[in-house]
Amino acid sequence: MTAARRARLEVGTVVRPHGLKGDVVVRLVSNLDDRLAPGARLDAAGAELVVASARPLQKDRHVVHFEGCASVEDAEALRGTVLFGAPLEREGVLWVDELVGARMVATDGTEIGEIVAVEANPASDLLVLADGALVPARFVVGDVVDGVVVVEVPEGLFE
């Protein structure tokens, strides 16, 4: 881990029950489907939920069965619950929780600004700077180190 990471990250939200046997529909906010792999442990309002099974339903929604959730009443009790998971470690991956709040610097050392948000974009996610400038994430060089993001930007982008 090269920068300070939060202890828990939002993974998704239980939307509603699905069927009569305790399954629920989860809207996943993570782009990692393995967050719902069998055996995955998620924190739900202080209680731990263990994924027994999951399958895609549509786009960002999955049908999930948690261990111990055996009825529609059990599933209904989870409606609206926000699910959290521990940060994952993957080499060469940029994480939103590391990017937001980091300083952006060009490869020549020029200070560009602070990253305040990350916007999804089909071509490349966009790093939103405090002054409103947008920088495609594909310009990032390397990992976030000590709260600093180094970017290689085309000449004239910030002039």
Protein backbone atom coordinates (compact mmCIF):
# COMPACT_ATOMS: atom_id res chain seq x y z
CA MET A 1 0.00 0.00 0.00
CA THR A 2 1.69 3.19 -1.15
CA ALA A 3 -0.69 5.77 0.31
CA ALA A 4 -3.03 6.00 3.27
CA ARG A 5 -6.09 3.86 2.60
CA ARG A 6 -9.31 3.75 4.54
CA ALA A 7 -9.99 0.67 6.66
CA ARG A 8 -13.36 0.07 4.94
CA LEU A 9 -14.61 0.92 1.49
CA GLU A 10 -18.19 1.00 0.26
CA VAL A 11 -18.87 -2.02 -1.93
CA GLY A 12 -22.60 -1.75 -2.58
CA THR A 13 -26.10 -1.51 -1.17
CA VAL A 14 -28.82 -4.10 -0.64
CA VAL A 15 -31.66 -2.88 -2.86
CA ARG A 16 -34.44 -5.39 -2.13
CA PRO A 17 -35.27 -9.06 -1.53
CA HIS A 18 -35.23 -11.38 -4.54
CA GLY A 19 -37.50 -14.40 -4.30
CA LEU A 20 -38.59 -16.17 -1.13
CA LYS A 21 -35.42 -17.96 0.04
CA GLY A 22 -33.38 -15.06 1.43
CA ASP A 23 -31.69 -13.80 -1.73
CA VAL A 24 -31.22 -10.06 -2.15
CA VAL A 25 -30.42 -7.72 -5.01
CA VAL A 26 -27.19 -5.81 -4.39
CA ARG A 27 -26.27 -2.69 -6.37
CA LEU A 28 -22.49 -2.97 -6.60
CA VAL A 29 -20.54 0.31 -6.60
CA SER A 30 -17.23 -1.50 -6.93
CA ASN A 31 -16.10 -2.52 -10.40
CA LEU A 32 -14.71 -5.74 -8.92
CA ASP A 33 -17.25 -8.55 -9.13
CA ASP A 34 -15.02 -10.66 -6.87
CA ARG A 35 -16.25 -8.47 -3.99
CA LEU A 36 -19.25 -10.84 -4.14
CA ALA A 37 -17.32 -14.10 -4.54
CA PRO A 38 -18.43 -16.98 -2.29
CA GLY A 39 -16.77 -16.56 1.09
CA ALA A 40 -16.33 -12.80 0.75
CA ARG A 41 -16.91 -11.04 4.06
CA LEU A 42 -18.74 -7.72 4.06
CA ASP A 43 -19.50 -5.36 6.91
CA ALA A 44 -23.16 -4.35 7.12
CA ALA A 45 -23.97 -1.85 9.88
CA GLY A 46 -21.52 -3.52 12.24
CA ALA A 47 -22.59 -7.08 11.41
CA GLU A 48 -20.53 -9.36 9.19
CA LEU A 49 -22.24 -10.89 6.17
CA VAL A 50 -20.61 -13.80 4.34
CA VAL A 51 -21.46 -14.30 0.67
CA ALA A 52 -22.73 -17.83 0.02
CA SER A 53 -23.41 -17.25 -3.69
CA ALA A 54 -23.88 -14.45 -6.19
CA ARG A 55 -24.77 -14.05 -9.83
CA PRO A 56 -25.12 -11.05 -12.13
CA LEU A 57 -28.66 -9.77 -12.62
CA GLN A 58 -28.20 -6.68 -14.78
CA LYS A 59 -25.49 -4.06 -15.25
CA ASP A 60 -24.40 -3.16 -11.70
CA ARG A 61 -26.89 -5.42 -9.87
CA HIS A 62 -26.32 -8.93 -8.57
CA VAL A 63 -28.50 -11.51 -6.85
CA VAL A 64 -26.66 -12.42 -3.65
CA HIS A 65 -27.33 -15.02 -0.99
CA PHE A 66 -25.69 -14.41 2.39
CA GLU A 67 -25.04 -17.23 4.85
CA GLY A 68 -27.81 -17.34 7.47
CA CYS A 69 -30.27 -15.33 5.36
CA ALA A 70 -32.94 -17.98 4.80
CA SER A 71 -36.24 -16.19 4.24
CA VAL A 72 -37.80 -13.22 2.53
CA GLU A 73 -38.15 -11.66 6.02
CA ASP A 74 -34.40 -12.01 6.61
CA ALA A 75 -33.76 -10.47 3.19
CA GLU A 76 -36.24 -7.63 3.82
CA ALA A 77 -34.38 -6.77 7.04
CA LEU A 78 -31.27 -6.08 4.89
CA ARG A 79 -33.05 -3.66 2.52
CA GLY A 80 -31.09 -0.40 2.26
CA THR A 81 -28.04 -1.78 4.08
CA VAL A 82 -24.77 -0.33 2.84
CA LEU A 83 -22.07 -2.98 2.45
CA PHE A 84 -18.41 -2.30 3.17
CA GLY A 85 -15.26 -4.32 2.51
CA ALA A 86 -11.57 -4.09 3.30
CA PRO A 87 -9.34 -2.40 0.72
CA LEU A 88 -7.81 -4.81 -1.79
CA GLU A 89 -4.16 -4.85 -2.74
CA ARG A 90 -3.42 -5.13 -6.46
CA GLU A 91 -0.20 -4.05 -8.09
CA GLY A 92 -0.53 -1.35 -10.76
CA VAL A 93 -4.14 -0.48 -9.93
CA LEU A 94 -5.29 3.06 -9.15
CA TRP A 95 -7.78 3.26 -6.28
CA VAL A 96 -10.26 6.13 -5.98
CA ASP A 97 -9.70 6.41 -2.21
CA GLU A 98 -5.97 6.98 -2.86
CA LEU A 99 -6.53 9.45 -5.70
CA VAL A 100 -9.03 11.79 -4.02
CA GLY A 101 -7.07 14.26 -1.91
CA ALA A 102 -3.75 13.49 -3.61
CA ARG A 103 -1.57 16.18 -5.17
CA MET A 104 -1.04 15.96 -8.93
CA VAL A 105 2.43 16.70 -10.26
CA ALA A 106 3.74 16.59 -13.83
CA THR A 107 6.74 14.38 -14.66
CA ASP A 108 8.90 17.55 -14.79
CA GLY A 109 7.90 18.37 -11.18
CA THR A 110 5.37 21.11 -12.01
CA GLU A 111 2.60 21.24 -9.39
CA ILE A 112 -0.77 20.84 -11.14
CA GLY A 113 -3.33 20.71 -8.32
CA GLU A 114 -5.32 18.60 -5.89
CA ILE A 115 -7.58 15.77 -7.04
CA VAL A 116 -11.07 16.23 -5.58
CA ALA A 117 -13.02 13.53 -7.45
CA VAL A 118 -12.87 10.81 -10.06
CA GLU A 119 -15.51 10.83 -12.83
CA ALA A 120 -16.32 7.71 -14.81
CA ASN A 121 -15.89 8.21 -18.53
CA PRO A 122 -16.07 5.55 -21.27
CA ALA A 123 -12.71 6.49 -22.81
CA SER A 124 -10.79 6.97 -19.55
CA ASP A 125 -11.82 7.90 -16.03
CA LEU A 126 -11.25 11.60 -15.40
CA LEU A 127 -9.41 13.03 -12.42
CA VAL A 128 -11.21 16.20 -11.32
CA LEU A 129 -8.95 18.89 -9.90
CA ALA A 130 -9.94 21.52 -7.34
CA ASP A 131 -9.92 24.21 -10.05
CA GLY A 132 -12.34 22.15 -12.19
CA ALA A 133 -9.74 20.90 -14.68
CA LEU A 134 -10.16 17.32 -15.91
CA VAL A 135 -7.20 15.00 -16.50
CA PRO A 136 -7.66 11.54 -18.04
CA ALA A 137 -6.47 8.82 -15.66
CA ARG A 138 -4.51 7.23 -18.51
CA PHE A 139 -1.95 10.05 -18.07
CA VAL A 140 -1.02 8.76 -14.59
CA VAL A 141 2.51 7.33 -14.41
CA GLY A 142 3.06 4.69 -11.73
CA ASP A 143 1.34 4.36 -8.36
CA VAL A 144 0.17 6.97 -5.87
CA VAL A 145 3.16 7.51 -3.55
CA ASP A 146 2.91 9.54 -0.35
CA GLY A 147 -0.24 11.29 -1.56
CA VAL A 148 1.32 12.37 -4.87
CA VAL A 149 0.13 11.38 -8.35
CA VAL A 150 2.60 11.87 -11.20
CA VAL A 151 1.13 12.46 -14.66
CA GLU A 152 2.65 12.73 -18.10
CA VAL A 153 0.42 15.20 -19.90
CA PRO A 154 0.53 16.41 -23.49
CA GLU A 155 2.23 19.75 -24.02
CA GLY A 156 -0.20 22.65 -23.70
CA LEU A 157 -2.84 20.86 -21.63
CA PHE A 158 -2.49 23.26 -18.68
CA GLU A 159 -1.57 26.47 -20.51
